[in-house]
């Protein structure tokens, strides 16, 4: 478990300093910031990749994705439980940034605004990697792309289902929306209540 000494204290940084290379995966099994919220969770930097898997709940004022200065230096993180944040920022540089939310452990919630640092930055990917099963829903309650539109919203992919619910307050502004069914009839996708997309 990782917590701030007091609420909104502390920064968790995940990066790999191997130049021009994809980041090695760092896995966090326990909750982060749930007792005392962190100030920031940073994935990657302007010159380094970052690659993280969060298996339990994450609570941080900011969650920041920063692509590096080489195309291999991607900033990516997968969340398998709830996310609570004020703002999640996706910043593509030469390396891209990708936030993946996976309902592998059941339905979950994402609270907080999700924005590109520049219009068109970042990918928000929604999946449920449970094989041959209907996807559990991930509910978003914050605005997506409100200050700067997100580059892509993907729900499911060619081998995995995905299900997303955007509440009435969760206006969505993105460049591209792609909804894809998995490779089993039960892996149908669902993308509900998208209020505004570009």
Protein backbone atom coordinates (compact mmCIF):
# COMPACT_ATOMS: atom_id res chain seq x y z
CA UNK A 1 0.00 0.00 0.00
CA UNK A 2 1.25 3.48 -0.89
CA UNK A 3 -0.27 6.55 0.77
CA UNK A 4 0.61 10.18 1.30
CA UNK A 5 1.88 11.06 4.78
CA UNK A 6 -1.09 13.44 4.75
CA UNK A 7 -3.81 13.90 2.17
CA UNK A 8 -2.58 15.19 -1.23
CA UNK A 9 1.08 14.61 -0.36
CA UNK A 10 3.58 12.58 -2.35
CA UNK A 11 4.31 11.79 -6.00
CA UNK A 12 4.61 8.27 -7.42
CA UNK A 13 6.79 8.19 -10.56
CA UNK A 14 6.96 5.20 -12.91
CA UNK A 15 9.58 5.44 -15.65
CA UNK A 16 12.29 3.40 -17.38
CA UNK A 17 15.58 5.16 -18.13
CA UNK A 18 16.61 2.82 -20.96
CA UNK A 19 17.04 5.24 -23.85
CA UNK A 20 14.84 4.87 -26.93
CA UNK A 21 13.17 1.73 -25.54
CA UNK A 22 9.72 0.71 -24.35
CA UNK A 23 9.29 0.70 -20.59
CA UNK A 24 9.49 -2.51 -18.59
CA UNK A 25 6.24 -3.26 -16.77
CA UNK A 26 5.94 -2.27 -13.10
CA UNK A 27 3.04 -3.99 -11.30
CA UNK A 28 1.34 -2.58 -8.20
CA UNK A 29 -0.80 -5.14 -6.36
CA UNK A 30 -2.09 -3.00 -3.50
CA UNK A 31 -4.15 0.17 -3.20
CA UNK A 32 -2.51 3.54 -3.81
CA UNK A 33 -3.62 6.76 -2.12
CA UNK A 34 -6.84 5.31 -0.73
CA UNK A 35 -6.14 6.20 2.92
CA UNK A 36 -4.33 9.46 2.10
CA UNK A 37 -4.68 10.68 -1.49
CA UNK A 38 -1.43 11.25 -3.40
CA UNK A 39 -0.64 14.52 -5.16
CA UNK A 40 0.35 12.91 -8.48
CA UNK A 41 0.97 9.59 -10.18
CA UNK A 42 3.33 10.13 -13.10
CA UNK A 43 3.78 7.61 -15.93
CA UNK A 44 6.83 8.30 -18.12
CA UNK A 45 8.60 11.60 -18.74
CA UNK A 46 9.51 13.78 -21.70
CA UNK A 47 12.66 11.66 -22.23
CA UNK A 48 11.71 8.25 -20.76
CA UNK A 49 9.06 5.58 -21.17
CA UNK A 50 6.72 4.43 -18.42
CA UNK A 51 4.67 1.22 -18.16
CA UNK A 52 2.49 0.38 -15.14
CA UNK A 53 -0.21 -2.08 -14.08
CA UNK A 54 -2.39 -1.12 -11.12
CA UNK A 55 -4.38 -4.08 -9.77
CA UNK A 56 -6.07 -2.21 -6.91
CA UNK A 57 -7.74 1.17 -6.45
CA UNK A 58 -5.79 4.36 -7.17
CA UNK A 59 -6.63 7.76 -5.64
CA UNK A 60 -4.52 10.78 -6.65
CA UNK A 61 -5.21 14.45 -7.31
CA UNK A 62 -3.42 14.14 -10.67
CA UNK A 63 -2.52 11.21 -12.88
CA UNK A 64 -0.07 12.26 -15.57
CA UNK A 65 0.96 10.35 -18.70
CA UNK A 66 4.03 11.77 -20.47
CA UNK A 67 5.31 10.26 -23.72
CA UNK A 68 9.07 10.37 -24.27
CA UNK A 69 11.28 11.78 -27.03
CA UNK A 70 11.45 8.52 -29.03
CA UNK A 71 8.54 6.61 -30.57
CA UNK A 72 9.36 3.57 -28.39
CA UNK A 73 9.16 5.65 -25.22
CA UNK A 74 5.44 5.29 -24.68
CA UNK A 75 3.62 6.21 -21.48
CA UNK A 76 1.02 3.57 -20.71
CA UNK A 77 -0.79 2.24 -17.68
CA UNK A 78 -3.56 -0.27 -17.12
CA UNK A 79 -5.97 0.10 -14.20
CA UNK A 80 -7.90 -2.97 -13.02
CA UNK A 81 -9.85 -1.27 -10.22
CA UNK A 82 -11.40 2.10 -9.47
CA UNK A 83 -9.70 5.39 -10.25
CA UNK A 84 -10.35 8.58 -8.28
CA UNK A 85 -8.63 11.75 -9.47
CA UNK A 86 -9.30 15.40 -10.08
CA UNK A 87 -7.59 15.34 -13.48
CA UNK A 88 -5.92 12.73 -15.68
CA UNK A 89 -3.65 14.27 -18.32
CA UNK A 90 -2.52 12.46 -21.47
CA UNK A 91 0.52 13.98 -23.21
CA UNK A 92 1.77 12.61 -26.53
CA UNK A 93 5.27 13.67 -27.48
CA UNK A 94 7.26 11.51 -29.91
CA UNK A 95 6.10 8.64 -27.70
CA UNK A 96 2.34 8.14 -27.33
CA UNK A 97 0.31 8.02 -24.12
CA UNK A 98 -2.36 5.40 -23.39
CA UNK A 99 -4.69 4.97 -20.42
CA UNK A 100 -6.26 1.48 -20.34
CA UNK A 101 -9.11 0.65 -17.97
CA UNK A 102 -9.73 -3.11 -17.68
CA UNK A 103 -12.85 -4.55 -16.02
CA UNK A 104 -11.14 -7.90 -15.47
CA UNK A 105 -12.12 -7.76 -11.77
CA UNK A 106 -15.70 -6.68 -12.39
CA UNK A 107 -17.55 -3.42 -12.90
CA UNK A 108 -15.64 -0.35 -11.79
CA UNK A 109 -15.74 3.44 -11.71
CA UNK A 110 -13.49 6.22 -12.97
CA UNK A 111 -13.94 9.63 -11.34
CA UNK A 112 -12.11 12.66 -12.67
CA UNK A 113 -11.66 14.69 -15.84
CA UNK A 114 -9.54 13.12 -18.59
CA UNK A 115 -7.84 15.54 -20.98
CA UNK A 116 -5.21 15.73 -23.67
CA UNK A 117 -2.42 18.11 -22.79
CA UNK A 118 -2.68 19.28 -26.40
CA UNK A 119 -5.82 18.72 -28.46
CA UNK A 120 -5.69 15.21 -29.93
CA UNK A 121 -3.26 13.76 -27.40
CA UNK A 122 -3.67 10.33 -25.86
CA UNK A 123 -5.76 7.20 -26.12
CA UNK A 124 -8.37 6.02 -23.63
CA UNK A 125 -8.84 2.26 -24.04
CA UNK A 126 -11.67 0.36 -22.32
CA UNK A 127 -11.54 -3.44 -22.18
CA UNK A 128 -12.58 -6.50 -20.20
CA UNK A 129 -10.02 -9.26 -20.75
CA UNK A 130 -12.18 -12.06 -19.28
CA UNK A 131 -12.19 -14.58 -22.11
CA UNK A 132 -15.46 -15.55 -23.81
CA UNK A 133 -17.61 -13.54 -21.41
CA UNK A 134 -19.82 -10.47 -21.60
CA UNK A 135 -17.82 -7.38 -20.56
CA UNK A 136 -18.44 -5.69 -17.23
CA UNK A 137 -19.20 -1.98 -17.37
CA UNK A 138 -16.77 0.80 -16.53
CA UNK A 139 -18.59 3.98 -15.51
CA UNK A 140 -17.04 7.40 -16.11
CA UNK A 141 -18.39 10.35 -14.12
CA UNK A 142 -15.96 13.07 -15.24
CA UNK A 143 -15.68 15.09 -18.43
CA UNK A 144 -13.45 13.60 -21.12
CA UNK A 145 -11.64 16.02 -23.41
CA UNK A 146 -13.19 19.08 -21.80
CA UNK A 147 -10.14 21.35 -21.87
CA UNK A 148 -8.37 19.59 -24.76
CA UNK A 149 -9.97 16.73 -26.68
CA UNK A 150 -8.50 13.24 -26.31
CA UNK A 151 -7.12 11.68 -29.48
CA UNK A 152 -8.91 8.33 -29.39
CA UNK A 153 -11.52 6.46 -27.37
CA UNK A 154 -11.52 2.70 -27.98
CA UNK A 155 -14.02 0.25 -26.49
CA UNK A 156 -13.01 -3.38 -26.90
CA UNK A 157 -10.62 -4.75 -29.51
CA UNK A 158 -10.32 -7.72 -31.85
CA UNK A 159 -9.84 -10.22 -28.99
CA UNK A 160 -11.49 -8.54 -25.98
CA UNK A 161 -14.87 -7.07 -25.15
CA UNK A 162 -15.45 -3.71 -23.54
CA UNK A 163 -18.32 -1.80 -21.93
CA UNK A 164 -18.40 1.90 -21.04
CA UNK A 165 -21.02 4.07 -19.39
CA UNK A 166 -20.65 7.85 -19.47
CA UNK A 167 -22.91 9.57 -16.96
CA UNK A 168 -24.95 12.68 -17.73
CA UNK A 169 -22.10 14.86 -16.44
CA UNK A 170 -19.43 13.05 -18.45
CA UNK A 171 -19.40 14.98 -21.72
CA UNK A 172 -17.01 13.27 -24.15
CA UNK A 173 -14.92 15.17 -26.72
CA UNK A 174 -12.50 13.02 -28.69
CA UNK A 175 -11.05 12.89 -32.19
CA UNK A 176 -11.91 9.24 -32.90
CA UNK A 177 -14.24 6.66 -31.35
CA UNK A 178 -13.72 2.98 -32.18
CA UNK A 179 -16.02 0.29 -30.78
CA UNK A 180 -14.92 -3.29 -31.55
CA UNK A 181 -16.41 -6.65 -30.60
CA UNK A 182 -14.08 -9.41 -29.41
CA UNK A 183 -13.46 -12.80 -30.99
CA UNK A 184 -16.36 -14.53 -29.18
CA UNK A 185 -20.08 -13.86 -29.52
CA UNK A 186 -20.32 -13.13 -25.78
CA UNK A 187 -17.68 -10.40 -26.05
CA UNK A 188 -20.09 -7.84 -27.49
CA UNK A 189 -19.26 -4.23 -26.74
CA UNK A 190 -21.36 -1.52 -25.20
CA UNK A 191 -20.74 2.22 -25.31
CA UNK A 192 -23.56 4.02 -23.48
CA UNK A 193 -24.53 7.63 -22.98
CA UNK A 194 -21.90 9.41 -25.01
CA UNK A 195 -23.14 12.98 -24.79
CA UNK A 196 -20.78 14.75 -27.17
CA UNK A 197 -18.14 13.39 -29.47
CA UNK A 198 -16.01 14.98 -32.14
